[in-house]
Amino acid sequence: MVLCALLAAVTLVLQLAMSPLPNIEPVSLLVMVYALVFGRQVFYIIFPFVLLEGLVFGFHIWWVSYLYVWPLWAAAVLLLRRGGDRPPMVWAVVSGAFGLSFGALCALPYLAGGPWAALSYWIAGIPFDLLHCAGNFFLALTLERPLCQLLKRLREG
């Protein structure tokens, strides 16, 4: 439990450290690595992280999407890892695709304002989704393997 709380805090701190970069963030990579290394325990990391996000930035409508977007991403990684070890390029492509779809997934709560509200929110964010896609791709391509190896070594003591 302490490790999960620590990893949630590390995720938030790294996200804050990278916040000057537009939509280049470590959270997608870290959730993927946590899911690959810790399996279903990743959810014990995600939900404290999401709570911390709300405490730091406020509990607005965007926060609602984090309640399902990050668990959905973790679930997708868990499903893909079932097939065995994947090369870094696979994880980079999947992570990039997640970054590209992030805006569409986050637009769902805006359906409360009607379909045009959600659609306009998503369309306005497409340039940021493209940056998110590229950032996720390169971060996963370069850091997925080393981070997984590091966390596995730390877990095994």
C-alpha atoms as a PDB file:
ATOM      1  CA  MET A   1       0.000   0.000   0.000  1.00  0.00           C
ATOM      2  CA  VAL A   2       2.872   2.374   0.820  1.00  0.00           C
ATOM      3  CA  LEU A   3       4.510   1.616  -2.528  1.00  0.00           C
ATOM      4  CA  CYS A   4       1.275   2.387  -4.389  1.00  0.00           C
ATOM      5  CA  ALA A   5       0.910   5.709  -2.575  1.00  0.00           C
ATOM      6  CA  LEU A   6       4.548   6.549  -3.274  1.00  0.00           C
ATOM      7  CA  LEU A   7       4.188   5.758  -6.978  1.00  0.00           C
ATOM      8  CA  ALA A   8       1.015   7.867  -7.172  1.00  0.00           C
ATOM      9  CA  ALA A   9       2.908  10.775  -5.621  1.00  0.00           C
ATOM     10  CA  VAL A  10       5.886  10.249  -7.950  1.00  0.00           C
ATOM     11  CA  THR A  11       3.498  10.320 -10.903  1.00  0.00           C
ATOM     12  CA  LEU A  12       1.993  13.617  -9.778  1.00  0.00           C
ATOM     13  CA  VAL A  13       5.385  15.212  -9.087  1.00  0.00           C
ATOM     14  CA  LEU A  14       6.744  14.176 -12.485  1.00  0.00           C
ATOM     15  CA  GLN A  15       3.597  15.440 -14.181  1.00  0.00           C
ATOM     16  CA  LEU A  16       3.967  18.789 -12.436  1.00  0.00           C
ATOM     17  CA  ALA A  17       7.655  18.938 -13.371  1.00  0.00           C
ATOM     18  CA  MET A  18       6.816  18.421 -17.039  1.00  0.00           C
ATOM     19  CA  SER A  19       3.744  20.676 -17.043  1.00  0.00           C
ATOM     20  CA  PRO A  20       5.490  23.531 -18.929  1.00  0.00           C
ATOM     21  CA  LEU A  21       5.604  21.242 -21.977  1.00  0.00           C
ATOM     22  CA  PRO A  22       2.265  21.230 -23.852  1.00  0.00           C
ATOM     23  CA  ASN A  23       0.682  17.800 -23.519  1.00  0.00           C
ATOM     24  CA  ILE A  24       4.028  16.059 -23.085  1.00  0.00           C
ATOM     25  CA  GLU A  25       3.465  14.200 -19.851  1.00  0.00           C
ATOM     26  CA  PRO A  26       4.850  11.128 -18.078  1.00  0.00           C
ATOM     27  CA  VAL A  27       1.538   9.827 -16.740  1.00  0.00           C
ATOM     28  CA  SER A  28       0.675   7.677 -19.765  1.00  0.00           C
ATOM     29  CA  LEU A  29       4.127   6.097 -19.688  1.00  0.00           C
ATOM     30  CA  LEU A  30       4.068   5.529 -15.937  1.00  0.00           C
ATOM     31  CA  VAL A  31       0.577   3.997 -15.932  1.00  0.00           C
ATOM     32  CA  MET A  32       1.722   1.672 -18.720  1.00  0.00           C
ATOM     33  CA  VAL A  33       4.901   0.700 -16.858  1.00  0.00           C
ATOM     34  CA  TYR A  34       3.034   0.245 -13.572  1.00  0.00           C
ATOM     35  CA  ALA A  35       0.502  -2.020 -15.317  1.00  0.00           C
ATOM     36  CA  LEU A  36       3.281  -4.051 -16.946  1.00  0.00           C
ATOM     37  CA  VAL A  37       5.219  -4.483 -13.705  1.00  0.00           C
ATOM     38  CA  PHE A  38       2.508  -4.615 -11.024  1.00  0.00           C
ATOM     39  CA  GLY A  39      -0.466  -5.981 -12.959  1.00  0.00           C
ATOM     40  CA  ARG A  40      -3.861  -5.204 -11.465  1.00  0.00           C
ATOM     41  CA  GLN A  41      -2.243  -3.377  -8.555  1.00  0.00           C
ATOM     42  CA  VAL A  42      -1.900  -0.472 -10.992  1.00  0.00           C
ATOM     43  CA  PHE A  43      -5.416   0.590 -10.006  1.00  0.00           C
ATOM     44  CA  TYR A  44      -4.207   1.160  -6.435  1.00  0.00           C
ATOM     45  CA  ILE A  45      -1.778   3.673  -7.927  1.00  0.00           C
ATOM     46  CA  ILE A  46      -4.162   5.321 -10.382  1.00  0.00           C
ATOM     47  CA  PHE A  47      -6.974   6.266  -8.015  1.00  0.00           C
ATOM     48  CA  PRO A  48      -4.768   8.017  -5.426  1.00  0.00           C
ATOM     49  CA  PHE A  49      -3.082   9.834  -8.322  1.00  0.00           C
ATOM     50  CA  VAL A  50      -6.459  10.988  -9.652  1.00  0.00           C
ATOM     51  CA  LEU A  51      -7.476  12.133  -6.169  1.00  0.00           C
ATOM     52  CA  LEU A  52      -4.211  14.071  -5.844  1.00  0.00           C
ATOM     53  CA  GLU A  53      -4.886  15.671  -9.242  1.00  0.00           C
ATOM     54  CA  GLY A  54      -8.233  16.890  -7.983  1.00  0.00           C
ATOM     55  CA  LEU A  55      -6.709  18.231  -4.789  1.00  0.00           C
ATOM     56  CA  VAL A  56      -3.996  20.110  -6.689  1.00  0.00           C
ATOM     57  CA  PHE A  57      -5.974  21.397  -9.685  1.00  0.00           C
ATOM     58  CA  GLY A  58      -9.553  21.316  -8.418  1.00  0.00           C
ATOM     59  CA  PHE A  59     -12.448  18.966  -9.012  1.00  0.00           C
ATOM     60  CA  HIS A  60     -13.794  20.285 -12.324  1.00  0.00           C
ATOM     61  CA  ILE A  61     -15.489  18.475 -15.191  1.00  0.00           C
ATOM     62  CA  TRP A  62     -12.146  17.445 -16.711  1.00  0.00           C
ATOM     63  CA  TRP A  63     -11.410  15.562 -13.483  1.00  0.00           C
ATOM     64  CA  VAL A  64     -14.400  13.270 -14.040  1.00  0.00           C
ATOM     65  CA  SER A  65     -12.771  11.954 -17.204  1.00  0.00           C
ATOM     66  CA  TYR A  66      -9.635  11.014 -15.258  1.00  0.00           C
ATOM     67  CA  LEU A  67     -11.756   8.607 -13.204  1.00  0.00           C
ATOM     68  CA  TYR A  68     -12.220   6.433 -16.293  1.00  0.00           C
ATOM     69  CA  VAL A  69      -9.463   7.451 -18.754  1.00  0.00           C
ATOM     70  CA  TRP A  70      -6.489   6.291 -16.674  1.00  0.00           C
ATOM     71  CA  PRO A  71      -8.131   3.008 -15.552  1.00  0.00           C
ATOM     72  CA  LEU A  72      -9.168   2.378 -19.171  1.00  0.00           C
ATOM     73  CA  TRP A  73      -5.573   2.902 -20.301  1.00  0.00           C
ATOM     74  CA  ALA A  74      -4.307   0.540 -17.591  1.00  0.00           C
ATOM     75  CA  ALA A  75      -6.891  -2.078 -18.578  1.00  0.00           C
ATOM     76  CA  ALA A  76      -5.833  -1.829 -22.231  1.00  0.00           C
ATOM     77  CA  VAL A  77      -2.188  -2.354 -21.241  1.00  0.00           C
ATOM     78  CA  LEU A  78      -3.133  -5.318 -19.062  1.00  0.00           C
ATOM     79  CA  LEU A  79      -5.021  -6.889 -21.971  1.00  0.00           C
ATOM     80  CA  LEU A  80      -2.122  -6.333 -24.373  1.00  0.00           C
ATOM     81  CA  ARG A  81       0.461  -7.738 -21.991  1.00  0.00           C
ATOM     82  CA  ARG A  82      -1.409 -11.056 -21.930  1.00  0.00           C
ATOM     83  CA  GLY A  83       0.156 -11.950 -25.253  1.00  0.00           C
ATOM     84  CA  GLY A  84       3.605 -11.968 -23.702  1.00  0.00           C
ATOM     85  CA  ASP A  85       6.560  -9.643 -23.909  1.00  0.00           C
ATOM     86  CA  ARG A  86       6.127  -6.969 -26.565  1.00  0.00           C
ATOM     87  CA  PRO A  87       8.898  -4.994 -28.247  1.00  0.00           C
ATOM     88  CA  PRO A  88       9.244  -1.310 -27.296  1.00  0.00           C
ATOM     89  CA  MET A  89       7.904  -0.224 -30.697  1.00  0.00           C
ATOM     90  CA  VAL A  90       4.566  -1.926 -29.974  1.00  0.00           C
ATOM     91  CA  TRP A  91       4.216  -0.109 -26.653  1.00  0.00           C
ATOM     92  CA  ALA A  92       5.266   3.155 -28.307  1.00  0.00           C
ATOM     93  CA  VAL A  93       2.601   2.818 -31.005  1.00  0.00           C
ATOM     94  CA  VAL A  94      -0.098   1.838 -28.514  1.00  0.00           C
ATOM     95  CA  SER A  95       0.883   4.682 -26.185  1.00  0.00           C
ATOM     96  CA  GLY A  96       0.833   7.131 -29.095  1.00  0.00           C
ATOM     97  CA  ALA A  97      -2.622   5.921 -30.091  1.00  0.00           C
ATOM     98  CA  PHE A  98      -3.796   6.450 -26.534  1.00  0.00           C
ATOM     99  CA  GLY A  99      -2.426  10.005 -26.605  1.00  0.00           C
ATOM    100  CA  LEU A 100      -4.237  10.650 -29.875  1.00  0.00           C
ATOM    101  CA  SER A 101      -7.521   9.361 -28.453  1.00  0.00           C
ATOM    102  CA  PHE A 102      -7.145  11.175 -25.122  1.00  0.00           C
ATOM    103  CA  GLY A 103      -9.160  14.251 -26.133  1.00  0.00           C
ATOM    104  CA  ALA A 104     -12.025  12.178 -27.507  1.00  0.00           C
ATOM    105  CA  LEU A 105     -12.146  10.146 -24.294  1.00  0.00           C
ATOM    106  CA  CYS A 106     -12.035  13.294 -22.155  1.00  0.00           C
ATOM    107  CA  ALA A 107     -14.851  14.856 -24.193  1.00  0.00           C
ATOM    108  CA  LEU A 108     -17.415  12.354 -22.888  1.00  0.00           C
ATOM    109  CA  PRO A 109     -18.383  14.314 -19.729  1.00  0.00           C
ATOM    110  CA  TYR A 110     -19.094  17.307 -21.951  1.00  0.00           C
ATOM    111  CA  LEU A 111     -21.989  15.348 -23.460  1.00  0.00           C
ATOM    112  CA  ALA A 112     -23.910  16.739 -20.487  1.00  0.00           C
ATOM    113  CA  GLY A 113     -23.905  20.011 -22.438  1.00  0.00           C
ATOM    114  CA  GLY A 114     -25.079  18.243 -25.571  1.00  0.00           C
ATOM    115  CA  PRO A 115     -23.311  16.443 -28.406  1.00  0.00           C
ATOM    116  CA  TRP A 116     -22.081  19.704 -29.948  1.00  0.00           C
ATOM    117  CA  ALA A 117     -20.402  20.694 -26.695  1.00  0.00           C
ATOM    118  CA  ALA A 118     -18.501  17.405 -26.588  1.00  0.00           C
ATOM    119  CA  LEU A 119     -17.647  17.545 -30.280  1.00  0.00           C
ATOM    120  CA  SER A 120     -16.389  21.125 -30.109  1.00  0.00           C
ATOM    121  CA  TYR A 121     -14.312  20.303 -27.012  1.00  0.00           C
ATOM    122  CA  TRP A 122     -12.719  17.369 -28.816  1.00  0.00           C
ATOM    123  CA  ILE A 123     -12.073  19.225 -32.085  1.00  0.00           C
ATOM    124  CA  ALA A 124     -10.546  22.213 -30.284  1.00  0.00           C
ATOM    125  CA  GLY A 125      -8.114  19.869 -28.570  1.00  0.00           C
ATOM    126  CA  ILE A 126      -6.905  17.924 -31.621  1.00  0.00           C
ATOM    127  CA  PRO A 127      -3.622  19.887 -31.909  1.00  0.00           C
ATOM    128  CA  PHE A 128      -2.895  18.999 -28.273  1.00  0.00           C
ATOM    129  CA  ASP A 129      -3.824  15.362 -28.942  1.00  0.00           C
ATOM    130  CA  LEU A 130      -1.256  15.288 -31.747  1.00  0.00           C
ATOM    131  CA  LEU A 131       1.408  16.559 -29.331  1.00  0.00           C
ATOM    132  CA  HIS A 132       0.208  14.042 -26.749  1.00  0.00           C
ATOM    133  CA  CYS A 133       0.527  11.273 -29.346  1.00  0.00           C
ATOM    134  CA  ALA A 134       4.077  12.249 -30.281  1.00  0.00           C
ATOM    135  CA  GLY A 135       5.154  12.700 -26.666  1.00  0.00           C
ATOM    136  CA  ASN A 136       3.695   9.363 -25.615  1.00  0.00           C
ATOM    137  CA  PHE A 137       5.301   7.604 -28.584  1.00  0.00           C
ATOM    138  CA  PHE A 138       8.820   8.890 -27.903  1.00  0.00           C
ATOM    139  CA  LEU A 139       8.642   8.538 -24.129  1.00  0.00           C
ATOM    140  CA  ALA A 140       7.433   4.938 -24.427  1.00  0.00           C
ATOM    141  CA  LEU A 141       9.959   4.086 -27.128  1.00  0.00           C
ATOM    142  CA  THR A 142      12.891   5.332 -25.068  1.00  0.00           C
ATOM    143  CA  LEU A 143      11.848   4.721 -21.454  1.00  0.00           C
ATOM    144  CA  GLU A 144       9.432   1.770 -21.274  1.00  0.00           C
ATOM    145  CA  ARG A 145      12.109  -0.937 -21.129  1.00  0.00           C
ATOM    146  CA  PRO A 146      14.502   0.794 -18.711  1.00  0.00           C
ATOM    147  CA  LEU A 147      11.685   1.799 -16.334  1.00  0.00           C
ATOM    148  CA  CYS A 148      10.164  -1.690 -16.366  1.00  0.00           C
ATOM    149  CA  GLN A 149      13.565  -3.231 -15.624  1.00  0.00           C
ATOM    150  CA  LEU A 150      14.222  -0.741 -12.827  1.00  0.00           C
ATOM    151  CA  LEU A 151      10.839  -1.271 -11.157  1.00  0.00           C
ATOM    152  CA  LYS A 152      11.152  -5.055 -11.443  1.00  0.00           C
ATOM    153  CA  ARG A 153      14.546  -4.922  -9.738  1.00  0.00           C
ATOM    154  CA  LEU A 154      13.204  -2.649  -7.006  1.00  0.00           C
ATOM    155  CA  ARG A 155      10.136  -4.866  -6.504  1.00  0.00           C
ATOM    156  CA  GLU A 156      12.264  -7.982  -6.133  1.00  0.00           C
ATOM    157  CA  GLY A 157      14.538  -6.207  -3.651  1.00  0.00           C
END
